[in-house]
Structure formats: C-alpha cells, structure tokens
Amino acid sequence: EATVLCRTLGCGDALQRPSFGHTL
C-alpha cells in the first residue's frame, strides 16, 4: 500500500511506515 502511494505521488518507493495519531 505504501509503495502504491509513493509511486502515485511521484515519490519513488516506500522506505518507512511511521504511525501517527488520527487528526481528521
């Protein structure tokens, strides 16, 4: 999933998958 998104954004491949709190 992370790689699909990175490529869609033109950002290459996924290196890391940090976690955050939900804010929206």
PDB file of all heavy atoms in Angstrom:
ATOM      1  N   GLU A   1       0.834  -1.208   0.000  1.00  0.00           N
ATOM      2  CA  GLU A   1       0.000   0.000   0.000  1.00  0.00           C
ATOM      3  C   GLU A   1       0.868   1.256   0.000  1.00  0.00           C
ATOM      4  O   GLU A   1       0.606   2.225  -0.729  1.00  0.00           O
ATOM      5  CB  GLU A   1      -0.922   0.008   1.217  1.00  0.00           C
ATOM      6  CG  GLU A   1      -2.027  -1.032   1.197  1.00  0.00           C
ATOM      7  CD  GLU A   1      -1.543  -2.443   1.518  1.00  0.00           C
ATOM      8  OE1 GLU A   1      -0.441  -2.601   2.098  1.00  0.00           O
ATOM      9  OE2 GLU A   1      -2.265  -3.397   1.190  1.00  0.00           O
ATOM     10  N   ALA A   2       1.911   1.234   0.824  1.00  0.00           N
ATOM     11  CA  ALA A   2       2.798   2.397   0.928  1.00  0.00           C
ATOM     12  C   ALA A   2       3.523   2.663  -0.392  1.00  0.00           C
ATOM     13  O   ALA A   2       3.687   3.809  -0.807  1.00  0.00           O
ATOM     14  CB  ALA A   2       3.802   2.186   2.069  1.00  0.00           C
ATOM     15  N   THR A   3       3.947   1.589  -1.047  1.00  0.00           N
ATOM     16  CA  THR A   3       4.652   1.736  -2.328  1.00  0.00           C
ATOM     17  C   THR A   3       3.717   2.277  -3.407  1.00  0.00           C
ATOM     18  O   THR A   3       4.100   3.148  -4.205  1.00  0.00           O
ATOM     19  CB  THR A   3       5.260   0.382  -2.762  1.00  0.00           C
ATOM     20  OG1 THR A   3       6.220  -0.011  -1.770  1.00  0.00           O
ATOM     21  CG2 THR A   3       5.945   0.488  -4.116  1.00  0.00           C
ATOM     22  N   VAL A   4       2.476   1.774  -3.447  1.00  0.00           N
ATOM     23  CA  VAL A   4       1.494   2.283  -4.409  1.00  0.00           C
ATOM     24  C   VAL A   4       1.340   3.795  -4.240  1.00  0.00           C
ATOM     25  O   VAL A   4       1.362   4.560  -5.213  1.00  0.00           O
ATOM     26  CB  VAL A   4       0.128   1.581  -4.247  1.00  0.00           C
ATOM     27  CG1 VAL A   4      -0.956   2.309  -5.034  1.00  0.00           C
ATOM     28  CG2 VAL A   4       0.218   0.126  -4.701  1.00  0.00           C
ATOM     29  N   LEU A   5       1.230   4.243  -2.984  1.00  0.00           N
ATOM     30  CA  LEU A   5       1.037   5.674  -2.746  1.00  0.00           C
ATOM     31  C   LEU A   5       2.272   6.472  -3.141  1.00  0.00           C
ATOM     32  O   LEU A   5       2.166   7.506  -3.815  1.00  0.00           O
ATOM     33  CB  LEU A   5       0.688   5.934  -1.274  1.00  0.00           C
ATOM     34  CG  LEU A   5       0.491   7.419  -0.952  1.00  0.00           C
ATOM     35  CD1 LEU A   5      -0.643   8.019  -1.769  1.00  0.00           C
ATOM     36  CD2 LEU A   5       0.243   7.622   0.529  1.00  0.00           C
ATOM     37  N   CYS A   6       3.462   6.021  -2.739  1.00  0.00           N
ATOM     38  CA  CYS A   6       4.689   6.744  -3.092  1.00  0.00           C
ATOM     39  C   CYS A   6       4.799   6.916  -4.599  1.00  0.00           C
ATOM     40  O   CYS A   6       5.125   8.000  -5.097  1.00  0.00           O
ATOM     41  CB  CYS A   6       5.913   6.019  -2.554  1.00  0.00           C
ATOM     42  SG  CYS A   6       6.139   6.129  -0.757  1.00  0.00           S
ATOM     43  N   ARG A   7       4.500   5.857  -5.342  1.00  0.00           N
ATOM     44  CA  ARG A   7       4.610   5.929  -6.811  1.00  0.00           C
ATOM     45  C   ARG A   7       3.555   6.855  -7.388  1.00  0.00           C
ATOM     46  O   ARG A   7       3.837   7.607  -8.333  1.00  0.00           O
ATOM     47  CB  ARG A   7       4.504   4.524  -7.404  1.00  0.00           C
ATOM     48  CG  ARG A   7       5.732   3.678  -7.085  1.00  0.00           C
ATOM     49  CD  ARG A   7       5.645   2.290  -7.694  1.00  0.00           C
ATOM     50  NE  ARG A   7       6.840   1.511  -7.349  1.00  0.00           N
ATOM     51  CZ  ARG A   7       7.021   0.236  -7.710  1.00  0.00           C
ATOM     52  NH1 ARG A   7       6.093  -0.399  -8.419  1.00  0.00           N
ATOM     53  NH2 ARG A   7       8.118  -0.397  -7.365  1.00  0.00           N
ATOM     54  N   THR A   8       2.333   6.812  -6.846  1.00  0.00           N
ATOM     55  CA  THR A   8       1.268   7.703  -7.313  1.00  0.00           C
ATOM     56  C   THR A   8       1.673   9.163  -7.149  1.00  0.00           C
ATOM     57  O   THR A   8       1.368  10.013  -7.987  1.00  0.00           O
ATOM     58  CB  THR A   8      -0.041   7.448  -6.524  1.00  0.00           C
ATOM     59  OG1 THR A   8      -0.433   6.089  -6.686  1.00  0.00           O
ATOM     60  CG2 THR A   8      -1.170   8.339  -7.023  1.00  0.00           C
ATOM     61  N   LEU A   9       2.357   9.460  -6.045  1.00  0.00           N
ATOM     62  CA  LEU A   9       2.760  10.837  -5.754  1.00  0.00           C
ATOM     63  C   LEU A   9       4.058  11.225  -6.471  1.00  0.00           C
ATOM     64  O   LEU A   9       4.548  12.345  -6.301  1.00  0.00           O
ATOM     65  CB  LEU A   9       2.937  11.015  -4.237  1.00  0.00           C
ATOM     66  CG  LEU A   9       1.678  10.870  -3.389  1.00  0.00           C
ATOM     67  CD1 LEU A   9       2.024  10.942  -1.900  1.00  0.00           C
ATOM     68  CD2 LEU A   9       0.631  11.919  -3.743  1.00  0.00           C
ATOM     69  N   GLY A  10       4.627  10.304  -7.249  1.00  0.00           N
ATOM     70  CA  GLY A  10       5.885  10.580  -7.931  1.00  0.00           C
ATOM     71  C   GLY A  10       7.061  10.637  -6.983  1.00  0.00           C
ATOM     72  O   GLY A  10       8.034  11.355  -7.209  1.00  0.00           O
ATOM     73  N   CYS A  11       6.980   9.866  -5.889  1.00  0.00           N
ATOM     74  CA  CYS A  11       7.987   9.924  -4.819  1.00  0.00           C
ATOM     75  C   CYS A  11       8.822   8.655  -4.719  1.00  0.00           C
ATOM     76  O   CYS A  11       9.447   8.402  -3.686  1.00  0.00           O
ATOM     77  CB  CYS A  11       7.299  10.177  -3.479  1.00  0.00           C
ATOM     78  SG  CYS A  11       6.556  11.810  -3.313  1.00  0.00           S
ATOM     79  N   GLY A  12       8.822   7.820  -5.751  1.00  0.00           N
ATOM     80  CA  GLY A  12       9.640   6.617  -5.708  1.00  0.00           C
ATOM     81  C   GLY A  12       8.976   5.490  -4.933  1.00  0.00           C
ATOM     82  O   GLY A  12       7.781   5.243  -5.096  1.00  0.00           O
ATOM     83  N   ASP A  13       9.750   4.805  -4.094  1.00  0.00           N
ATOM     84  CA  ASP A  13       9.244   3.672  -3.321  1.00  0.00           C
ATOM     85  C   ASP A  13       9.216   3.999  -1.831  1.00  0.00           C
ATOM     86  O   ASP A  13       9.791   4.994  -1.388  1.00  0.00           O
ATOM     87  CB  ASP A  13      10.102   2.425  -3.571  1.00  0.00           C
ATOM     88  CG  ASP A  13       9.911   1.881  -4.982  1.00  0.00           C
ATOM     89  OD1 ASP A  13       8.772   1.961  -5.496  1.00  0.00           O
ATOM     90  OD2 ASP A  13      10.887   1.396  -5.569  1.00  0.00           O
ATOM     91  N   ALA A  14       8.557   3.126  -1.065  1.00  0.00           N
ATOM     92  CA  ALA A  14       8.400   3.359   0.371  1.00  0.00           C
ATOM     93  C   ALA A  14       9.639   2.915   1.139  1.00  0.00           C
ATOM     94  O   ALA A  14      10.137   1.804   0.946  1.00  0.00           O
ATOM     95  CB  ALA A  14       7.172   2.612   0.884  1.00  0.00           C
ATOM     96  N   LEU A  15      10.132   3.789   2.004  1.00  0.00           N
ATOM     97  CA  LEU A  15      11.265   3.459   2.877  1.00  0.00           C
ATOM     98  C   LEU A  15      10.794   3.019   4.260  1.00  0.00           C
ATOM     99  O   LEU A  15      11.238   2.015   4.789  1.00  0.00           O
ATOM    100  CB  LEU A  15      12.178   4.677   3.058  1.00  0.00           C
ATOM    101  CG  LEU A  15      13.185   5.025   1.973  1.00  0.00           C
ATOM    102  CD1 LEU A  15      13.947   6.277   2.392  1.00  0.00           C
ATOM    103  CD2 LEU A  15      14.150   3.866   1.760  1.00  0.00           C
ATOM    104  N   GLN A  16       9.923   3.828   4.848  1.00  0.00           N
ATOM    105  CA  GLN A  16       9.442   3.558   6.205  1.00  0.00           C
ATOM    106  C   GLN A  16       7.954   3.826   6.284  1.00  0.00           C
ATOM    107  O   GLN A  16       7.400   4.547   5.450  1.00  0.00           O
ATOM    108  CB  GLN A  16      10.152   4.477   7.216  1.00  0.00           C
ATOM    109  CG  GLN A  16      11.608   4.168   7.432  1.00  0.00           C
ATOM    110  CD  GLN A  16      12.219   5.256   8.311  1.00  0.00           C
ATOM    111  OE1 GLN A  16      12.700   6.262   7.820  1.00  0.00           O
ATOM    112  NE2 GLN A  16      12.183   5.061   9.608  1.00  0.00           N
ATOM    113  N   ARG A  17       7.322   3.249   7.327  1.00  0.00           N
ATOM    114  CA  ARG A  17       5.892   3.462   7.529  1.00  0.00           C
ATOM    115  C   ARG A  17       5.638   3.887   8.979  1.00  0.00           C
ATOM    116  O   ARG A  17       5.194   3.080   9.795  1.00  0.00           O
ATOM    117  CB  ARG A  17       5.122   2.178   7.188  1.00  0.00           C
ATOM    118  CG  ARG A  17       5.085   1.891   5.699  1.00  0.00           C
ATOM    119  CD  ARG A  17       4.485   0.545   5.365  1.00  0.00           C
ATOM    120  NE  ARG A  17       5.414  -0.542   5.676  1.00  0.00           N
ATOM    121  CZ  ARG A  17       5.099  -1.616   6.390  1.00  0.00           C
ATOM    122  NH1 ARG A  17       3.898  -1.768   6.886  1.00  0.00           N
ATOM    123  NH2 ARG A  17       5.995  -2.550   6.608  1.00  0.00           N
ATOM    124  N   PRO A  18       5.929   5.146   9.308  1.00  0.00           N
ATOM    125  CA  PRO A  18       5.680   5.614  10.676  1.00  0.00           C
ATOM    126  C   PRO A  18       4.189   5.712  10.978  1.00  0.00           C
ATOM    127  O   PRO A  18       3.369   5.748  10.064  1.00  0.00           O
ATOM    128  CB  PRO A  18       6.325   7.007  10.692  1.00  0.00           C
ATOM    129  CG  PRO A  18       6.292   7.450   9.266  1.00  0.00           C
ATOM    130  CD  PRO A  18       6.443   6.206   8.436  1.00  0.00           C
ATOM    131  N   SER A  19       3.860   5.726  12.258  1.00  0.00           N
ATOM    132  CA  SER A  19       2.454   5.853  12.676  1.00  0.00           C
ATOM    133  C   SER A  19       2.214   7.200  13.340  1.00  0.00           C
ATOM    134  O   SER A  19       3.114   7.776  13.946  1.00  0.00           O
ATOM    135  CB  SER A  19       2.092   4.743  13.653  1.00  0.00           C
ATOM    136  OG  SER A  19       2.219   3.490  13.018  1.00  0.00           O
ATOM    137  N   PHE A  20       0.989   7.686  13.222  1.00  0.00           N
ATOM    138  CA  PHE A  20       0.598   8.979  13.777  1.00  0.00           C
ATOM    139  C   PHE A  20      -0.752   8.828  14.469  1.00  0.00           C
ATOM    140  O   PHE A  20      -1.444   7.824  14.287  1.00  0.00           O
ATOM    141  CB  PHE A  20       0.459  10.029  12.669  1.00  0.00           C
ATOM    142  CG  PHE A  20       1.733  10.294  11.908  1.00  0.00           C
ATOM    143  CD1 PHE A  20       2.065   9.533  10.792  1.00  0.00           C
ATOM    144  CD2 PHE A  20       2.599  11.301  12.307  1.00  0.00           C
ATOM    145  CE1 PHE A  20       3.239   9.776  10.079  1.00  0.00           C
ATOM    146  CE2 PHE A  20       3.772  11.552  11.609  1.00  0.00           C
ATOM    147  CZ  PHE A  20       4.093  10.788  10.501  1.00  0.00           C
ATOM    148  N   GLY A  21      -1.137   9.843  15.219  1.00  0.00           N
ATOM    149  CA  GLY A  21      -2.491   9.875  15.757  1.00  0.00           C
ATOM    150  C   GLY A  21      -3.472  10.298  14.671  1.00  0.00           C
ATOM    151  O   GLY A  21      -3.096  10.999  13.734  1.00  0.00           O
ATOM    152  N   HIS A  22      -4.727   9.849  14.774  1.00  0.00           N
ATOM    153  CA  HIS A  22      -5.755  10.293  13.828  1.00  0.00           C
ATOM    154  C   HIS A  22      -6.138  11.733  14.148  1.00  0.00           C
ATOM    155  O   HIS A  22      -6.451  12.055  15.285  1.00  0.00           O
ATOM    156  CB  HIS A  22      -6.999   9.403  13.939  1.00  0.00           C
ATOM    157  CG  HIS A  22      -6.807   8.040  13.360  1.00  0.00           C
ATOM    158  ND1 HIS A  22      -6.723   7.809  12.005  1.00  0.00           N
ATOM    159  CD2 HIS A  22      -6.672   6.825  13.958  1.00  0.00           C
ATOM    160  CE1 HIS A  22      -6.553   6.512  11.790  1.00  0.00           C
ATOM    161  NE2 HIS A  22      -6.521   5.892  12.952  1.00  0.00           N
ATOM    162  N   THR A  23      -6.120  12.604  13.138  1.00  0.00           N
ATOM    163  CA  THR A  23      -6.400  14.024  13.377  1.00  0.00           C
ATOM    164  C   THR A  23      -7.565  14.534  12.550  1.00  0.00           C
ATOM    165  O   THR A  23      -7.955  15.678  12.683  1.00  0.00           O
ATOM    166  CB  THR A  23      -5.166  14.863  13.006  1.00  0.00           C
ATOM    167  OG1 THR A  23      -4.786  14.512  11.667  1.00  0.00           O
ATOM    168  CG2 THR A  23      -4.010  14.592  13.952  1.00  0.00           C
ATOM    169  N   LEU A  24      -8.113  13.688  11.665  1.00  0.00           N
ATOM    170  CA  LEU A  24      -9.194  14.136  10.786  1.00  0.00           C
ATOM    171  C   LEU A  24     -10.437  13.295  11.040  1.00  0.00           C
ATOM    172  O   LEU A  24     -10.342  12.155  11.485  1.00  0.00           O
ATOM    173  CB  LEU A  24      -8.763  14.012   9.319  1.00  0.00           C
ATOM    174  CG  LEU A  24      -7.565  14.890   8.920  1.00  0.00           C
ATOM    175  CD1 LEU A  24      -7.045  14.510   7.552  1.00  0.00           C
ATOM    176  CD2 LEU A  24      -7.954  16.354   8.946  1.00  0.00           C
TER     177      LEU A  24
END
